[in-house]
Amino acid sequence: MKSILKTSKIMIEQITKEVYTLLGQDDTGHGIDHIKRVLKLSLQFTKQEQIKGINVNEEIVTLIALL
């Protein structure tokens, strides 16, 4: 299980770097600032659902928000 979690973290780090590279200079309103807001809000929703006892995969939510 630890191997899968480590792989997920590495994958998220790699995708995050790629998103920053692709959208770091974007000034259309859908650049990196937008991605950061979407990610933050998505993770807030994730925590709220987890508190309710709903099983939400934080790694999947993070990847969806980044992509």
PDB file of N, CA and C in Angstrom:
ATOM      1  N   MET A   1       0.822  -1.200   0.000  1.00  0.00           N
ATOM      2  CA  MET A   1       0.000   0.000   0.000  1.00  0.00           C
ATOM      3  C   MET A   1       0.864   1.262   0.000  1.00  0.00           C
ATOM      4  N   LYS A   2       1.969   1.231   0.762  1.00  0.00           N
ATOM      5  CA  LYS A   2       2.850   2.397   0.815  1.00  0.00           C
ATOM      6  C   LYS A   2       3.421   2.716  -0.567  1.00  0.00           C
ATOM      7  N   SER A   3       3.718   1.677  -1.334  1.00  0.00           N
ATOM      8  CA  SER A   3       4.252   1.874  -2.675  1.00  0.00           C
ATOM      9  C   SER A   3       3.265   2.608  -3.569  1.00  0.00           C
ATOM     10  N   ILE A   4       1.991   2.253  -3.450  1.00  0.00           N
ATOM     11  CA  ILE A   4       0.946   2.917  -4.248  1.00  0.00           C
ATOM     12  C   ILE A   4       0.828   4.374  -3.837  1.00  0.00           C
ATOM     13  N   LEU A   5       0.836   4.644  -2.528  1.00  0.00           N
ATOM     14  CA  LEU A   5       0.743   6.027  -2.054  1.00  0.00           C
ATOM     15  C   LEU A   5       1.944   6.837  -2.500  1.00  0.00           C
ATOM     16  N   LYS A   6       3.130   6.245  -2.447  1.00  0.00           N
ATOM     17  CA  LYS A   6       4.336   6.948  -2.886  1.00  0.00           C
ATOM     18  C   LYS A   6       4.246   7.259  -4.375  1.00  0.00           C
ATOM     19  N   THR A   7       3.772   6.287  -5.148  1.00  0.00           N
ATOM     20  CA  THR A   7       3.607   6.488  -6.587  1.00  0.00           C
ATOM     21  C   THR A   7       2.607   7.604  -6.863  1.00  0.00           C
ATOM     22  N   SER A   8       1.505   7.639  -6.120  1.00  0.00           N
ATOM     23  CA  SER A   8       0.498   8.688  -6.293  1.00  0.00           C
ATOM     24  C   SER A   8       1.091  10.060  -6.007  1.00  0.00           C
ATOM     25  N   LYS A   9       1.845  10.165  -4.933  1.00  0.00           N
ATOM     26  CA  LYS A   9       2.455  11.450  -4.573  1.00  0.00           C
ATOM     27  C   LYS A   9       3.445  11.897  -5.646  1.00  0.00           C
ATOM     28  N   ILE A  10       4.233  10.973  -6.155  1.00  0.00           N
ATOM     29  CA  ILE A  10       5.193  11.308  -7.216  1.00  0.00           C
ATOM     30  C   ILE A  10       4.445  11.742  -8.470  1.00  0.00           C
ATOM     31  N   MET A  11       3.384  11.025  -8.818  1.00  0.00           N
ATOM     32  CA  MET A  11       2.602  11.370  -9.999  1.00  0.00           C
ATOM     33  C   MET A  11       1.981  12.765  -9.837  1.00  0.00           C
ATOM     34  N   ILE A  12       1.436  13.054  -8.668  1.00  0.00           N
ATOM     35  CA  ILE A  12       0.842  14.366  -8.417  1.00  0.00           C
ATOM     36  C   ILE A  12       1.896  15.448  -8.518  1.00  0.00           C
ATOM     37  N   GLU A  13       3.075  15.205  -7.965  1.00  0.00           N
ATOM     38  CA  GLU A  13       4.170  16.187  -8.059  1.00  0.00           C
ATOM     39  C   GLU A  13       4.557  16.440  -9.512  1.00  0.00           C
ATOM     40  N   GLN A  14       4.671  15.380 -10.302  1.00  0.00           N
ATOM     41  CA  GLN A  14       5.046  15.517 -11.709  1.00  0.00           C
ATOM     42  C   GLN A  14       3.979  16.276 -12.494  1.00  0.00           C
ATOM     43  N   ILE A  15       2.729  15.943 -12.273  1.00  0.00           N
ATOM     44  CA  ILE A  15       1.641  16.621 -12.977  1.00  0.00           C
ATOM     45  C   ILE A  15       1.561  18.081 -12.551  1.00  0.00           C
ATOM     46  N   THR A  16       1.751  18.348 -11.270  1.00  0.00           N
ATOM     47  CA  THR A  16       1.751  19.727 -10.784  1.00  0.00           C
ATOM     48  C   THR A  16       2.832  20.543 -11.482  1.00  0.00           C
ATOM     49  N   LYS A  17       4.020  19.989 -11.593  1.00  0.00           N
ATOM     50  CA  LYS A  17       5.117  20.685 -12.291  1.00  0.00           C
ATOM     51  C   LYS A  17       4.748  20.955 -13.744  1.00  0.00           C
ATOM     52  N   GLU A  18       4.148  19.971 -14.398  1.00  0.00           N
ATOM     53  CA  GLU A  18       3.765  20.131 -15.802  1.00  0.00           C
ATOM     54  C   GLU A  18       2.689  21.204 -15.955  1.00  0.00           C
ATOM     55  N   VAL A  19       1.717  21.224 -15.043  1.00  0.00           N
ATOM     56  CA  VAL A  19       0.662  22.242 -15.085  1.00  0.00           C
ATOM     57  C   VAL A  19       1.275  23.631 -14.911  1.00  0.00           C
ATOM     58  N   TYR A  20       2.208  23.766 -13.969  1.00  0.00           N
ATOM     59  CA  TYR A  20       2.874  25.052 -13.772  1.00  0.00           C
ATOM     60  C   TYR A  20       3.624  25.472 -15.032  1.00  0.00           C
ATOM     61  N   THR A  21       4.271  24.512 -15.685  1.00  0.00           N
ATOM     62  CA  THR A  21       4.993  24.813 -16.923  1.00  0.00           C
ATOM     63  C   THR A  21       4.033  25.263 -18.029  1.00  0.00           C
ATOM     64  N   LEU A  22       2.936  24.548 -18.178  1.00  0.00           N
ATOM     65  CA  LEU A  22       1.985  24.844 -19.247  1.00  0.00           C
ATOM     66  C   LEU A  22       1.180  26.123 -18.999  1.00  0.00           C
ATOM     67  N   LEU A  23       0.801  26.357 -17.756  1.00  0.00           N
ATOM     68  CA  LEU A  23      -0.124  27.456 -17.468  1.00  0.00           C
ATOM     69  C   LEU A  23       0.492  28.590 -16.650  1.00  0.00           C
ATOM     70  N   GLY A  24       1.762  28.477 -16.334  1.00  0.00           N
ATOM     71  CA  GLY A  24       2.410  29.473 -15.494  1.00  0.00           C
ATOM     72  C   GLY A  24       2.370  30.884 -16.050  1.00  0.00           C
ATOM     73  N   GLN A  25       2.376  31.028 -17.345  1.00  0.00           N
ATOM     74  CA  GLN A  25       2.380  32.345 -17.980  1.00  0.00           C
ATOM     75  C   GLN A  25       1.015  32.741 -18.538  1.00  0.00           C
ATOM     76  N   ASP A  26       0.030  31.904 -18.352  1.00  0.00           N
ATOM     77  CA  ASP A  26      -1.306  32.172 -18.890  1.00  0.00           C
ATOM     78  C   ASP A  26      -1.947  33.344 -18.161  1.00  0.00           C
ATOM     79  N   ASP A  27      -2.496  34.280 -18.918  1.00  0.00           N
ATOM     80  CA  ASP A  27      -3.154  35.442 -18.297  1.00  0.00           C
ATOM     81  C   ASP A  27      -4.599  35.588 -18.771  1.00  0.00           C
ATOM     82  N   THR A  28      -5.196  34.469 -19.189  1.00  0.00           N
ATOM     83  CA  THR A  28      -6.571  34.506 -19.688  1.00  0.00           C
ATOM     84  C   THR A  28      -7.604  34.354 -18.582  1.00  0.00           C
ATOM     85  N   GLY A  29      -7.143  34.114 -17.374  1.00  0.00           N
ATOM     86  CA  GLY A  29      -8.059  33.874 -16.272  1.00  0.00           C
ATOM     87  C   GLY A  29      -8.154  32.396 -15.925  1.00  0.00           C
ATOM     88  N   HIS A  30      -7.551  31.553 -16.753  1.00  0.00           N
ATOM     89  CA  HIS A  30      -7.545  30.117 -16.490  1.00  0.00           C
ATOM     90  C   HIS A  30      -6.120  29.605 -16.341  1.00  0.00           C
ATOM     91  N   GLY A  31      -5.272  30.448 -15.801  1.00  0.00           N
ATOM     92  CA  GLY A  31      -3.883  30.086 -15.569  1.00  0.00           C
ATOM     93  C   GLY A  31      -3.704  29.401 -14.232  1.00  0.00           C
ATOM     94  N   ILE A  32      -2.484  29.475 -13.726  1.00  0.00           N
ATOM     95  CA  ILE A  32      -2.123  28.754 -12.511  1.00  0.00           C
ATOM     96  C   ILE A  32      -2.888  29.268 -11.294  1.00  0.00           C
ATOM     97  N   ASP A  33      -3.201  30.558 -11.245  1.00  0.00           N
ATOM     98  CA  ASP A  33      -3.987  31.078 -10.115  1.00  0.00           C
ATOM     99  C   ASP A  33      -5.360  30.424 -10.061  1.00  0.00           C
ATOM    100  N   HIS A  34      -5.955  30.239 -11.217  1.00  0.00           N
ATOM    101  CA  HIS A  34      -7.259  29.577 -11.287  1.00  0.00           C
ATOM    102  C   HIS A  34      -7.144  28.124 -10.833  1.00  0.00           C
ATOM    103  N   ILE A  35      -6.115  27.440 -11.300  1.00  0.00           N
ATOM    104  CA  ILE A  35      -5.897  26.044 -10.925  1.00  0.00           C
ATOM    105  C   ILE A  35      -5.728  25.929  -9.415  1.00  0.00           C
ATOM    106  N   LYS A  36      -4.966  26.838  -8.820  1.00  0.00           N
ATOM    107  CA  LYS A  36      -4.773  26.818  -7.369  1.00  0.00           C
ATOM    108  C   LYS A  36      -6.094  26.995  -6.626  1.00  0.00           C
ATOM    109  N   ARG A  37      -6.941  27.903  -7.109  1.00  0.00           N
ATOM    110  CA  ARG A  37      -8.245  28.116  -6.465  1.00  0.00           C
ATOM    111  C   ARG A  37      -9.131  26.877  -6.593  1.00  0.00           C
ATOM    112  N   VAL A  38      -9.149  26.292  -7.777  1.00  0.00           N
ATOM    113  CA  VAL A  38      -9.950  25.088  -8.003  1.00  0.00           C
ATOM    114  C   VAL A  38      -9.459  23.951  -7.107  1.00  0.00           C
ATOM    115  N   LEU A  39      -8.148  23.782  -7.019  1.00  0.00           N
ATOM    116  CA  LEU A  39      -7.576  22.728  -6.188  1.00  0.00           C
ATOM    117  C   LEU A  39      -7.920  22.947  -4.717  1.00  0.00           C
ATOM    118  N   LYS A  40      -7.750  24.169  -4.243  1.00  0.00           N
ATOM    119  CA  LYS A  40      -8.043  24.475  -2.844  1.00  0.00           C
ATOM    120  C   LYS A  40      -9.513  24.199  -2.515  1.00  0.00           C
ATOM    121  N   LEU A  41     -10.407  24.666  -3.371  1.00  0.00           N
ATOM    122  CA  LEU A  41     -11.835  24.459  -3.148  1.00  0.00           C
ATOM    123  C   LEU A  41     -12.201  22.978  -3.226  1.00  0.00           C
ATOM    124  N   SER A  42     -11.619  22.270  -4.169  1.00  0.00           N
ATOM    125  CA  SER A  42     -11.883  20.835  -4.317  1.00  0.00           C
ATOM    126  C   SER A  42     -11.456  20.066  -3.072  1.00  0.00           C
ATOM    127  N   LEU A  43     -10.308  20.423  -2.522  1.00  0.00           N
ATOM    128  CA  LEU A  43      -9.836  19.739  -1.323  1.00  0.00           C
ATOM    129  C   LEU A  43     -10.673  20.105  -0.100  1.00  0.00           C
ATOM    130  N   GLN A  44     -11.204  21.317  -0.067  1.00  0.00           N
ATOM    131  CA  GLN A  44     -12.122  21.692   1.013  1.00  0.00           C
ATOM    132  C   GLN A  44     -13.392  20.845   0.939  1.00  0.00           C
ATOM    133  N   PHE A  45     -13.937  20.684  -0.261  1.00  0.00           N
ATOM    134  CA  PHE A  45     -15.108  19.827  -0.446  1.00  0.00           C
ATOM    135  C   PHE A  45     -14.795  18.386  -0.033  1.00  0.00           C
ATOM    136  N   THR A  46     -13.609  17.922  -0.399  1.00  0.00           N
ATOM    137  CA  THR A  46     -13.189  16.565  -0.049  1.00  0.00           C
ATOM    138  C   THR A  46     -13.208  16.376   1.458  1.00  0.00           C
ATOM    139  N   LYS A  47     -12.620  17.311   2.180  1.00  0.00           N
ATOM    140  CA  LYS A  47     -12.579  17.217   3.648  1.00  0.00           C
ATOM    141  C   LYS A  47     -13.988  17.223   4.239  1.00  0.00           C
ATOM    142  N   GLN A  48     -14.852  18.083   3.710  1.00  0.00           N
ATOM    143  CA  GLN A  48     -16.229  18.148   4.209  1.00  0.00           C
ATOM    144  C   GLN A  48     -16.949  16.817   4.011  1.00  0.00           C
ATOM    145  N   GLU A  49     -16.749  16.208   2.864  1.00  0.00           N
ATOM    146  CA  GLU A  49     -17.394  14.927   2.582  1.00  0.00           C
ATOM    147  C   GLU A  49     -16.810  13.821   3.453  1.00  0.00           C
ATOM    148  N   GLN A  50     -15.499  13.852   3.682  1.00  0.00           N
ATOM    149  CA  GLN A  50     -14.865  12.850   4.525  1.00  0.00           C
ATOM    150  C   GLN A  50     -15.368  12.954   5.966  1.00  0.00           C
ATOM    151  N   ILE A  51     -15.593  14.171   6.444  1.00  0.00           N
ATOM    152  CA  ILE A  51     -16.138  14.374   7.792  1.00  0.00           C
ATOM    153  C   ILE A  51     -17.513  13.723   7.906  1.00  0.00           C
ATOM    154  N   LYS A  52     -18.275  13.772   6.827  1.00  0.00           N
ATOM    155  CA  LYS A  52     -19.612  13.153   6.809  1.00  0.00           C
ATOM    156  C   LYS A  52     -19.538  11.628   6.719  1.00  0.00           C
ATOM    157  N   GLY A  53     -18.335  11.109   6.537  1.00  0.00           N
ATOM    158  CA  GLY A  53     -18.171   9.663   6.426  1.00  0.00           C
ATOM    159  C   GLY A  53     -18.191   9.145   5.007  1.00  0.00           C
ATOM    160  N   ILE A  54     -18.192  10.043   4.052  1.00  0.00           N
ATOM    161  CA  ILE A  54     -18.201   9.645   2.648  1.00  0.00           C
ATOM    162  C   ILE A  54     -16.759   9.399   2.204  1.00  0.00           C
ATOM    163  N   ASN A  55     -16.543   8.264   1.574  1.00  0.00           N
ATOM    164  CA  ASN A  55     -15.209   7.887   1.136  1.00  0.00           C
ATOM    165  C   ASN A  55     -14.845   8.651  -0.142  1.00  0.00           C
ATOM    166  N   VAL A  56     -13.951   9.610  -0.020  1.00  0.00           N
ATOM    167  CA  VAL A  56     -13.510  10.413  -1.159  1.00  0.00           C
ATOM    168  C   VAL A  56     -11.994  10.256  -1.272  1.00  0.00           C
ATOM    169  N   ASN A  57     -11.535   9.925  -2.456  1.00  0.00           N
ATOM    170  CA  ASN A  57     -10.109   9.731  -2.692  1.00  0.00           C
ATOM    171  C   ASN A  57      -9.458  11.082  -2.993  1.00  0.00           C
ATOM    172  N   GLU A  58      -8.669  11.556  -2.051  1.00  0.00           N
ATOM    173  CA  GLU A  58      -8.038  12.878  -2.170  1.00  0.00           C
ATOM    174  C   GLU A  58      -7.078  12.954  -3.353  1.00  0.00           C
ATOM    175  N   GLU A  59      -6.384  11.861  -3.642  1.00  0.00           N
ATOM    176  CA  GLU A  59      -5.453  11.865  -4.772  1.00  0.00           C
ATOM    177  C   GLU A  59      -6.193  12.044  -6.090  1.00  0.00           C
ATOM    178  N   ILE A  60      -7.310  11.354  -6.237  1.00  0.00           N
ATOM    179  CA  ILE A  60      -8.087  11.477  -7.472  1.00  0.00           C
ATOM    180  C   ILE A  60      -8.647  12.893  -7.608  1.00  0.00           C
ATOM    181  N   VAL A  61      -9.166  13.436  -6.524  1.00  0.00           N
ATOM    182  CA  VAL A  61      -9.690  14.795  -6.556  1.00  0.00           C
ATOM    183  C   VAL A  61      -8.594  15.780  -6.934  1.00  0.00           C
ATOM    184  N   THR A  62      -7.414  15.593  -6.377  1.00  0.00           N
ATOM    185  CA  THR A  62      -6.283  16.473  -6.691  1.00  0.00           C
ATOM    186  C   THR A  62      -5.936  16.396  -8.175  1.00  0.00           C
ATOM    187  N   LEU A  63      -5.853  15.189  -8.711  1.00  0.00           N
ATOM    188  CA  LEU A  63      -5.521  15.030 -10.129  1.00  0.00           C
ATOM    189  C   LEU A  63      -6.590  15.647 -11.025  1.00  0.00           C
ATOM    190  N   ILE A  64      -7.839  15.449 -10.672  1.00  0.00           N
ATOM    191  CA  ILE A  64      -8.931  16.041 -11.462  1.00  0.00           C
ATOM    192  C   ILE A  64      -8.831  17.553 -11.454  1.00  0.00           C
ATOM    193  N   ALA A  65      -8.593  18.129 -10.288  1.00  0.00           N
ATOM    194  CA  ALA A  65      -8.493  19.587 -10.183  1.00  0.00           C
ATOM    195  C   ALA A  65      -7.311  20.126 -10.986  1.00  0.00           C
ATOM    196  N   LEU A  66      -6.213  19.417 -10.986  1.00  0.00           N
ATOM    197  CA  LEU A  66      -5.033  19.864 -11.726  1.00  0.00           C
ATOM    198  C   LEU A  66      -5.237  19.764 -13.234  1.00  0.00           C
ATOM    199  N   LEU A  67      -5.984  18.757 -13.647  1.00  0.00           N
ATOM    200  CA  LEU A  67      -6.146  18.539 -15.091  1.00  0.00           C
ATOM    201  C   LEU A  67      -7.381  19.226 -15.612  1.00  0.00           C
TER     202      LEU A  67
END
